N, C-alpha and C. Protein backbone atom coordinates (compact mmCIF):
# COMPACT_ATOMS: atom_id res chain seq x y z
N UNK A 1 142.27 -3.80 -167.40
CA UNK A 1 140.82 -3.90 -167.25
C UNK A 1 140.13 -3.53 -168.56
N UNK A 2 139.04 -4.20 -168.79
CA UNK A 2 138.30 -3.87 -170.02
C UNK A 2 137.27 -2.77 -169.72
N UNK A 3 136.67 -2.26 -170.77
CA UNK A 3 135.77 -1.12 -170.67
C UNK A 3 134.54 -1.44 -169.82
N UNK A 4 133.98 -2.62 -169.99
CA UNK A 4 132.79 -2.98 -169.23
C UNK A 4 133.08 -3.05 -167.73
N UNK A 5 134.24 -3.56 -167.37
CA UNK A 5 134.63 -3.62 -165.96
C UNK A 5 134.73 -2.21 -165.39
N UNK A 6 135.34 -1.29 -166.13
CA UNK A 6 135.46 0.09 -165.67
C UNK A 6 134.08 0.74 -165.53
N UNK A 7 133.21 0.50 -166.49
CA UNK A 7 131.86 1.09 -166.42
C UNK A 7 131.09 0.53 -165.23
N UNK A 8 131.24 -0.76 -164.95
CA UNK A 8 130.57 -1.35 -163.80
C UNK A 8 131.14 -0.78 -162.50
N UNK A 9 132.44 -0.53 -162.47
CA UNK A 9 133.06 0.07 -161.29
C UNK A 9 132.50 1.47 -161.04
N UNK A 10 132.30 2.23 -162.11
CA UNK A 10 131.71 3.57 -161.99
C UNK A 10 130.31 3.47 -161.43
N UNK A 11 129.52 2.52 -161.93
CA UNK A 11 128.15 2.35 -161.44
C UNK A 11 128.15 2.01 -159.96
N UNK A 12 129.05 1.13 -159.54
CA UNK A 12 129.14 0.76 -158.13
C UNK A 12 129.52 1.96 -157.28
N UNK A 13 130.48 2.75 -157.75
CA UNK A 13 130.89 3.92 -157.00
C UNK A 13 129.77 4.96 -156.92
N UNK A 14 129.03 5.13 -158.02
CA UNK A 14 127.90 6.08 -158.00
C UNK A 14 126.84 5.63 -157.00
N UNK A 15 126.60 4.32 -156.94
CA UNK A 15 125.61 3.78 -156.01
C UNK A 15 126.08 4.01 -154.57
N UNK A 16 127.36 3.77 -154.31
CA UNK A 16 127.91 3.99 -152.97
C UNK A 16 127.86 5.47 -152.60
N UNK A 17 128.12 6.32 -153.58
CA UNK A 17 128.08 7.77 -153.35
C UNK A 17 126.66 8.20 -152.96
N UNK A 18 125.67 7.63 -153.63
CA UNK A 18 124.28 7.93 -153.30
C UNK A 18 123.94 7.49 -151.88
N UNK A 19 124.45 6.33 -151.49
CA UNK A 19 124.23 5.85 -150.12
C UNK A 19 124.86 6.78 -149.10
N UNK A 20 126.04 7.31 -149.43
CA UNK A 20 126.69 8.27 -148.53
C UNK A 20 125.85 9.54 -148.42
N UNK A 21 125.29 9.99 -149.53
CA UNK A 21 124.41 11.17 -149.50
C UNK A 21 123.23 10.92 -148.57
N UNK A 22 122.66 9.73 -148.66
CA UNK A 22 121.52 9.40 -147.79
C UNK A 22 121.93 9.39 -146.33
N UNK A 23 123.11 8.82 -146.03
CA UNK A 23 123.61 8.79 -144.66
C UNK A 23 123.86 10.21 -144.15
N UNK A 24 124.41 11.07 -145.00
CA UNK A 24 124.67 12.44 -144.59
C UNK A 24 123.38 13.17 -144.29
N UNK A 25 122.38 12.97 -145.11
CA UNK A 25 121.08 13.59 -144.88
C UNK A 25 120.48 13.10 -143.56
N UNK A 26 120.60 11.81 -143.35
CA UNK A 26 120.11 11.22 -142.11
C UNK A 26 120.81 11.82 -140.89
N UNK A 27 122.12 11.96 -140.98
CA UNK A 27 122.90 12.53 -139.86
C UNK A 27 122.53 14.00 -139.62
N UNK A 28 122.32 14.73 -140.72
CA UNK A 28 122.02 16.15 -140.60
C UNK A 28 120.63 16.39 -140.03
N UNK A 29 119.74 15.45 -140.22
CA UNK A 29 118.34 15.63 -139.77
C UNK A 29 118.11 15.17 -138.33
N UNK A 30 119.15 14.68 -137.69
CA UNK A 30 119.01 14.27 -136.29
C UNK A 30 118.93 15.53 -135.42
N UNK A 31 118.27 15.42 -134.26
CA UNK A 31 118.19 16.57 -133.36
C UNK A 31 119.55 17.16 -132.99
N UNK A 32 120.52 16.26 -132.75
CA UNK A 32 121.88 16.69 -132.46
C UNK A 32 122.78 16.02 -133.49
N UNK A 33 123.11 16.72 -134.58
CA UNK A 33 123.92 16.11 -135.63
C UNK A 33 125.33 15.77 -135.17
N UNK A 34 125.84 14.68 -135.65
CA UNK A 34 127.21 14.26 -135.36
C UNK A 34 128.11 14.82 -136.46
N UNK A 35 128.69 15.97 -136.19
CA UNK A 35 129.45 16.68 -137.23
C UNK A 35 130.73 15.94 -137.62
N UNK A 36 131.28 15.19 -136.70
CA UNK A 36 132.47 14.39 -137.03
C UNK A 36 132.11 13.31 -138.05
N UNK A 37 130.98 12.66 -137.82
CA UNK A 37 130.51 11.63 -138.76
C UNK A 37 130.17 12.25 -140.12
N UNK A 38 129.56 13.40 -140.11
CA UNK A 38 129.21 14.09 -141.36
C UNK A 38 130.49 14.44 -142.14
N UNK A 39 131.49 14.93 -141.45
CA UNK A 39 132.76 15.27 -142.11
C UNK A 39 133.44 14.03 -142.67
N UNK A 40 133.38 12.93 -141.95
CA UNK A 40 133.95 11.67 -142.42
C UNK A 40 133.24 11.21 -143.69
N UNK A 41 131.91 11.32 -143.71
CA UNK A 41 131.15 10.91 -144.88
C UNK A 41 131.45 11.82 -146.08
N UNK A 42 131.63 13.11 -145.83
CA UNK A 42 131.97 14.04 -146.89
C UNK A 42 133.33 13.69 -147.50
N UNK A 43 134.28 13.30 -146.65
CA UNK A 43 135.60 12.93 -147.11
C UNK A 43 135.53 11.66 -147.97
N UNK A 44 134.73 10.70 -147.52
CA UNK A 44 134.55 9.48 -148.30
C UNK A 44 133.92 9.77 -149.65
N UNK A 45 132.93 10.66 -149.64
CA UNK A 45 132.26 11.02 -150.89
C UNK A 45 133.24 11.70 -151.86
N UNK A 46 134.06 12.58 -151.33
CA UNK A 46 135.05 13.28 -152.17
C UNK A 46 136.04 12.27 -152.76
N UNK A 47 136.47 11.30 -151.97
CA UNK A 47 137.38 10.26 -152.46
C UNK A 47 136.71 9.44 -153.57
N UNK A 48 135.44 9.12 -153.40
CA UNK A 48 134.72 8.38 -154.43
C UNK A 48 134.60 9.18 -155.72
N UNK A 49 134.36 10.47 -155.57
CA UNK A 49 134.26 11.33 -156.77
C UNK A 49 135.61 11.34 -157.51
N UNK A 50 136.71 11.37 -156.77
CA UNK A 50 138.02 11.33 -157.39
C UNK A 50 138.23 10.01 -158.14
N UNK A 51 137.82 8.91 -157.52
CA UNK A 51 137.95 7.60 -158.16
C UNK A 51 137.10 7.55 -159.45
N UNK A 52 135.90 8.08 -159.38
CA UNK A 52 135.01 8.08 -160.55
C UNK A 52 135.65 8.90 -161.68
N UNK A 53 136.16 10.07 -161.35
CA UNK A 53 136.81 10.93 -162.36
C UNK A 53 138.03 10.24 -162.96
N UNK A 54 138.81 9.56 -162.14
CA UNK A 54 140.00 8.85 -162.63
C UNK A 54 139.60 7.75 -163.61
N UNK A 55 138.59 6.99 -163.27
CA UNK A 55 138.15 5.91 -164.15
C UNK A 55 137.56 6.48 -165.44
N UNK A 56 136.81 7.56 -165.33
CA UNK A 56 136.22 8.17 -166.53
C UNK A 56 137.31 8.68 -167.46
N UNK A 57 138.39 9.20 -166.90
CA UNK A 57 139.51 9.66 -167.72
C UNK A 57 140.18 8.49 -168.44
N UNK A 58 140.20 7.33 -167.81
CA UNK A 58 140.78 6.14 -168.44
C UNK A 58 139.91 5.67 -169.61
N UNK A 59 138.61 5.96 -169.54
CA UNK A 59 137.71 5.53 -170.61
C UNK A 59 137.79 6.43 -171.85
N UNK A 60 138.27 7.66 -171.65
CA UNK A 60 138.40 8.58 -172.78
C UNK A 60 139.69 8.29 -173.51
N UNK A 61 139.62 8.01 -174.80
CA UNK A 61 140.85 7.69 -175.54
C UNK A 61 141.75 8.92 -175.66
N UNK A 62 143.05 8.67 -175.67
CA UNK A 62 144.03 9.75 -175.79
C UNK A 62 144.14 10.16 -177.25
N UNK A 63 143.47 11.23 -177.61
CA UNK A 63 143.38 11.68 -179.01
C UNK A 63 144.72 12.18 -179.55
N UNK A 64 145.52 12.78 -178.72
CA UNK A 64 146.77 13.37 -179.15
C UNK A 64 147.87 12.34 -179.36
N UNK A 65 147.66 11.12 -178.91
CA UNK A 65 148.72 10.10 -179.02
C UNK A 65 148.93 9.64 -180.43
C-alpha cells in the first residue's frame, strides 16, 4: 500500500470512530441505557484505535534499519 492509501484509511477509521462515539452518547442518554450495546460499541472503538495505531506505525520510517 502506498502512503496516501494508508492516510485515507486512517481518516476513514477516525470518521467511523467518531460515529461510534456519537452512538455511545446516544445510548447513554436513553432513559434505560442498553449496557450490552454500549460495551459492544466500546469494543469496536478500541479495535479501531488499534488499527489506527498499527497503520500510523507503518507510516513512520524505521530509523534504526
